Amino acid sequence: MTGDWSFVVWIVVMAIPVGLFLATRWSRSRGPSDAMNKDEPDKMP
């Protein structure tokens, strides 16, 4: 049973930096015009 918990911990530990990396790449790939304006809340990219 302890092996199962260590597997879950490794998944979580690896998911955090991967998620941060993907979020950073996604935010950098968006141009300034892709950001939603407060004047246009219904505009979807």
PDB file of N, CA and C in Angstrom:
ATOM      1  N   MET A   1       0.808  -1.206   0.000  1.00  0.00           N
ATOM      2  CA  MET A   1       0.000   0.000   0.000  1.00  0.00           C
ATOM      3  C   MET A   1       0.849   1.268   0.000  1.00  0.00           C
ATOM      4  N   THR A   2       1.990   1.233   0.661  1.00  0.00           N
ATOM      5  CA  THR A   2       2.825   2.435   0.703  1.00  0.00           C
ATOM      6  C   THR A   2       3.377   2.774  -0.668  1.00  0.00           C
ATOM      7  N   GLY A   3       3.562   1.774  -1.515  1.00  0.00           N
ATOM      8  CA  GLY A   3       4.032   2.033  -2.873  1.00  0.00           C
ATOM      9  C   GLY A   3       3.019   2.824  -3.678  1.00  0.00           C
ATOM     10  N   ASP A   4       1.738   2.585  -3.438  1.00  0.00           N
ATOM     11  CA  ASP A   4       0.692   3.321  -4.141  1.00  0.00           C
ATOM     12  C   ASP A   4       0.724   4.800  -3.779  1.00  0.00           C
ATOM     13  N   TRP A   5       0.937   5.093  -2.496  1.00  0.00           N
ATOM     14  CA  TRP A   5       0.976   6.491  -2.074  1.00  0.00           C
ATOM     15  C   TRP A   5       2.183   7.206  -2.652  1.00  0.00           C
ATOM     16  N   SER A   6       3.324   6.527  -2.734  1.00  0.00           N
ATOM     17  CA  SER A   6       4.507   7.180  -3.294  1.00  0.00           C
ATOM     18  C   SER A   6       4.307   7.466  -4.776  1.00  0.00           C
ATOM     19  N   PHE A   7       3.575   6.590  -5.472  1.00  0.00           N
ATOM     20  CA  PHE A   7       3.273   6.832  -6.881  1.00  0.00           C
ATOM     21  C   PHE A   7       2.408   8.081  -7.038  1.00  0.00           C
ATOM     22  N   VAL A   8       1.407   8.223  -6.193  1.00  0.00           N
ATOM     23  CA  VAL A   8       0.534   9.399  -6.241  1.00  0.00           C
ATOM     24  C   VAL A   8       1.332  10.663  -5.939  1.00  0.00           C
ATOM     25  N   VAL A   9       2.217  10.589  -4.967  1.00  0.00           N
ATOM     26  CA  VAL A   9       3.041  11.751  -4.621  1.00  0.00           C
ATOM     27  C   VAL A   9       3.922  12.141  -5.797  1.00  0.00           C
ATOM     28  N   TRP A  10       4.515  11.168  -6.470  1.00  0.00           N
ATOM     29  CA  TRP A  10       5.361  11.485  -7.626  1.00  0.00           C
ATOM     30  C   TRP A  10       4.556  12.119  -8.751  1.00  0.00           C
ATOM     31  N   ILE A  11       3.341  11.644  -8.971  1.00  0.00           N
ATOM     32  CA  ILE A  11       2.484  12.239 -10.005  1.00  0.00           C
ATOM     33  C   ILE A  11       2.211  13.702  -9.679  1.00  0.00           C
ATOM     34  N   VAL A  12       1.872  13.991  -8.430  1.00  0.00           N
ATOM     35  CA  VAL A  12       1.590  15.370  -8.022  1.00  0.00           C
ATOM     36  C   VAL A  12       2.844  16.228  -8.125  1.00  0.00           C
ATOM     37  N   VAL A  13       3.973  15.695  -7.667  1.00  0.00           N
ATOM     38  CA  VAL A  13       5.229  16.453  -7.699  1.00  0.00           C
ATOM     39  C   VAL A  13       5.621  16.776  -9.139  1.00  0.00           C
ATOM     40  N   MET A  14       5.412  15.863 -10.055  1.00  0.00           N
ATOM     41  CA  MET A  14       5.765  16.108 -11.456  1.00  0.00           C
ATOM     42  C   MET A  14       4.724  16.980 -12.157  1.00  0.00           C
ATOM     43  N   ALA A  15       3.466  16.920 -11.722  1.00  0.00           N
ATOM     44  CA  ALA A  15       2.411  17.681 -12.383  1.00  0.00           C
ATOM     45  C   ALA A  15       2.538  19.177 -12.121  1.00  0.00           C
ATOM     46  N   ILE A  16       3.045  19.558 -10.965  1.00  0.00           N
ATOM     47  CA  ILE A  16       3.137  20.980 -10.628  1.00  0.00           C
ATOM     48  C   ILE A  16       4.083  21.722 -11.577  1.00  0.00           C
ATOM     49  N   PRO A  17       5.342  21.308 -11.758  1.00  0.00           N
ATOM     50  CA  PRO A  17       6.204  22.044 -12.688  1.00  0.00           C
ATOM     51  C   PRO A  17       5.748  21.938 -14.140  1.00  0.00           C
ATOM     52  N   VAL A  18       5.177  20.799 -14.521  1.00  0.00           N
ATOM     53  CA  VAL A  18       4.679  20.666 -15.891  1.00  0.00           C
ATOM     54  C   VAL A  18       3.519  21.632 -16.117  1.00  0.00           C
ATOM     55  N   GLY A  19       2.624  21.739 -15.155  1.00  0.00           N
ATOM     56  CA  GLY A  19       1.510  22.678 -15.273  1.00  0.00           C
ATOM     57  C   GLY A  19       1.971  24.119 -15.329  1.00  0.00           C
ATOM     58  N   LEU A  20       2.951  24.462 -14.508  1.00  0.00           N
ATOM     59  CA  LEU A  20       3.493  25.820 -14.548  1.00  0.00           C
ATOM     60  C   LEU A  20       4.162  26.104 -15.884  1.00  0.00           C
ATOM     61  N   PHE A  21       4.892  25.133 -16.411  1.00  0.00           N
ATOM     62  CA  PHE A  21       5.551  25.300 -17.708  1.00  0.00           C
ATOM     63  C   PHE A  21       4.529  25.513 -18.816  1.00  0.00           C
ATOM     64  N   LEU A  22       3.482  24.696 -18.836  1.00  0.00           N
ATOM     65  CA  LEU A  22       2.464  24.837 -19.875  1.00  0.00           C
ATOM     66  C   LEU A  22       1.708  26.157 -19.747  1.00  0.00           C
ATOM     67  N   ALA A  23       1.419  26.586 -18.535  1.00  0.00           N
ATOM     68  CA  ALA A  23       0.733  27.862 -18.339  1.00  0.00           C
ATOM     69  C   ALA A  23       1.602  29.022 -18.803  1.00  0.00           C
ATOM     70  N   THR A  24       2.902  28.931 -18.543  1.00  0.00           N
ATOM     71  CA  THR A  24       3.813  29.982 -18.986  1.00  0.00           C
ATOM     72  C   THR A  24       3.890  30.023 -20.501  1.00  0.00           C
ATOM     73  N   ARG A  25       4.008  28.860 -21.127  1.00  0.00           N
ATOM     74  CA  ARG A  25       4.074  28.810 -22.592  1.00  0.00           C
ATOM     75  C   ARG A  25       2.790  29.350 -23.205  1.00  0.00           C
ATOM     76  N   TRP A  26       1.638  29.003 -22.625  1.00  0.00           N
ATOM     77  CA  TRP A  26       0.363  29.448 -23.166  1.00  0.00           C
ATOM     78  C   TRP A  26       0.219  30.958 -23.034  1.00  0.00           C
ATOM     79  N   SER A  27       0.614  31.514 -21.891  1.00  0.00           N
ATOM     80  CA  SER A  27       0.465  32.952 -21.691  1.00  0.00           C
ATOM     81  C   SER A  27       1.419  33.728 -22.590  1.00  0.00           C
ATOM     82  N   ARG A  28       2.596  33.184 -22.858  1.00  0.00           N
ATOM     83  CA  ARG A  28       3.541  33.870 -23.747  1.00  0.00           C
ATOM     84  C   ARG A  28       3.134  33.758 -25.199  1.00  0.00           C
ATOM     85  N   SER A  29       2.396  32.716 -25.564  1.00  0.00           N
ATOM     86  CA  SER A  29       2.005  32.533 -26.957  1.00  0.00           C
ATOM     87  C   SER A  29       0.855  33.455 -27.343  1.00  0.00           C
ATOM     88  N   ARG A  30       0.140  33.972 -26.360  1.00  0.00           N
ATOM     89  CA  ARG A  30      -0.966  34.885 -26.647  1.00  0.00           C
ATOM     90  C   ARG A  30      -0.426  36.283 -26.881  1.00  0.00           C
ATOM     91  N   GLY A  31      -0.927  36.918 -27.909  1.00  0.00           N
ATOM     92  CA  GLY A  31      -0.519  38.279 -28.191  1.00  0.00           C
ATOM     93  C   GLY A  31      -1.288  39.266 -27.342  1.00  0.00           C
ATOM     94  N   PRO A  32      -0.863  40.525 -27.353  1.00  0.00           N
ATOM     95  CA  PRO A  32      -1.568  41.541 -26.560  1.00  0.00           C
ATOM     96  C   PRO A  32      -3.018  41.731 -26.996  1.00  0.00           C
ATOM     97  N   SER A  33      -3.307  41.520 -28.284  1.00  0.00           N
ATOM     98  CA  SER A  33      -4.676  41.705 -28.761  1.00  0.00           C
ATOM     99  C   SER A  33      -5.580  40.541 -28.369  1.00  0.00           C
ATOM    100  N   ASP A  34      -5.007  39.426 -27.926  1.00  0.00           N
ATOM    101  CA  ASP A  34      -5.812  38.276 -27.531  1.00  0.00           C
ATOM    102  C   ASP A  34      -6.393  38.412 -26.133  1.00  0.00           C
ATOM    103  N   ALA A  35      -5.868  39.332 -25.352  1.00  0.00           N
ATOM    104  CA  ALA A  35      -6.363  39.503 -23.986  1.00  0.00           C
ATOM    105  C   ALA A  35      -7.776  40.074 -24.033  1.00  0.00           C
ATOM    106  N   MET A  36      -8.615  39.609 -23.125  1.00  0.00           N
ATOM    107  CA  MET A  36      -9.988  40.103 -23.080  1.00  0.00           C
ATOM    108  C   MET A  36     -10.017  41.486 -22.433  1.00  0.00           C
ATOM    109  N   ASN A  37     -10.744  42.393 -23.054  1.00  0.00           N
ATOM    110  CA  ASN A  37     -10.893  43.741 -22.519  1.00  0.00           C
ATOM    111  C   ASN A  37     -12.080  43.785 -21.567  1.00  0.00           C
ATOM    112  N   LYS A  38     -12.037  44.714 -20.621  1.00  0.00           N
ATOM    113  CA  LYS A  38     -13.169  44.885 -19.715  1.00  0.00           C
ATOM    114  C   LYS A  38     -14.376  45.449 -20.459  1.00  0.00           C
ATOM    115  N   ASP A  39     -14.128  46.161 -21.566  1.00  0.00           N
ATOM    116  CA  ASP A  39     -15.219  46.740 -22.341  1.00  0.00           C
ATOM    117  C   ASP A  39     -15.965  45.684 -23.142  1.00  0.00           C
ATOM    118  N   GLU A  40     -15.316  44.564 -23.431  1.00  0.00           N
ATOM    119  CA  GLU A  40     -15.918  43.523 -24.242  1.00  0.00           C
ATOM    120  C   GLU A  40     -15.910  42.184 -23.492  1.00  0.00           C
ATOM    121  N   PRO A  41     -16.764  42.017 -22.498  1.00  0.00           N
ATOM    122  CA  PRO A  41     -16.735  40.768 -21.721  1.00  0.00           C
ATOM    123  C   PRO A  41     -17.228  39.554 -22.496  1.00  0.00           C
ATOM    124  N   ASP A  42     -18.031  39.773 -23.560  1.00  0.00           N
ATOM    125  CA  ASP A  42     -18.588  38.652 -24.316  1.00  0.00           C
ATOM    126  C   ASP A  42     -17.664  38.177 -25.429  1.00  0.00           C
ATOM    127  N   LYS A  43     -16.593  38.898 -25.683  1.00  0.00           N
ATOM    128  CA  LYS A  43     -15.682  38.523 -26.767  1.00  0.00           C
ATOM    129  C   LYS A  43     -14.856  37.310 -26.342  1.00  0.00           C
ATOM    130  N   MET A  44     -14.951  36.255 -27.115  1.00  0.00           N
ATOM    131  CA  MET A  44     -14.178  35.048 -26.831  1.00  0.00           C
ATOM    132  C   MET A  44     -13.112  34.894 -27.909  1.00  0.00           C
ATOM    133  N   PRO A  45     -11.930  34.410 -27.549  1.00  0.00           N
ATOM    134  CA  PRO A  45     -10.872  34.254 -28.561  1.00  0.00           C
ATOM    135  C   PRO A  45     -11.191  33.172 -29.552  1.00  0.00           C
TER     136      PRO A  45
END
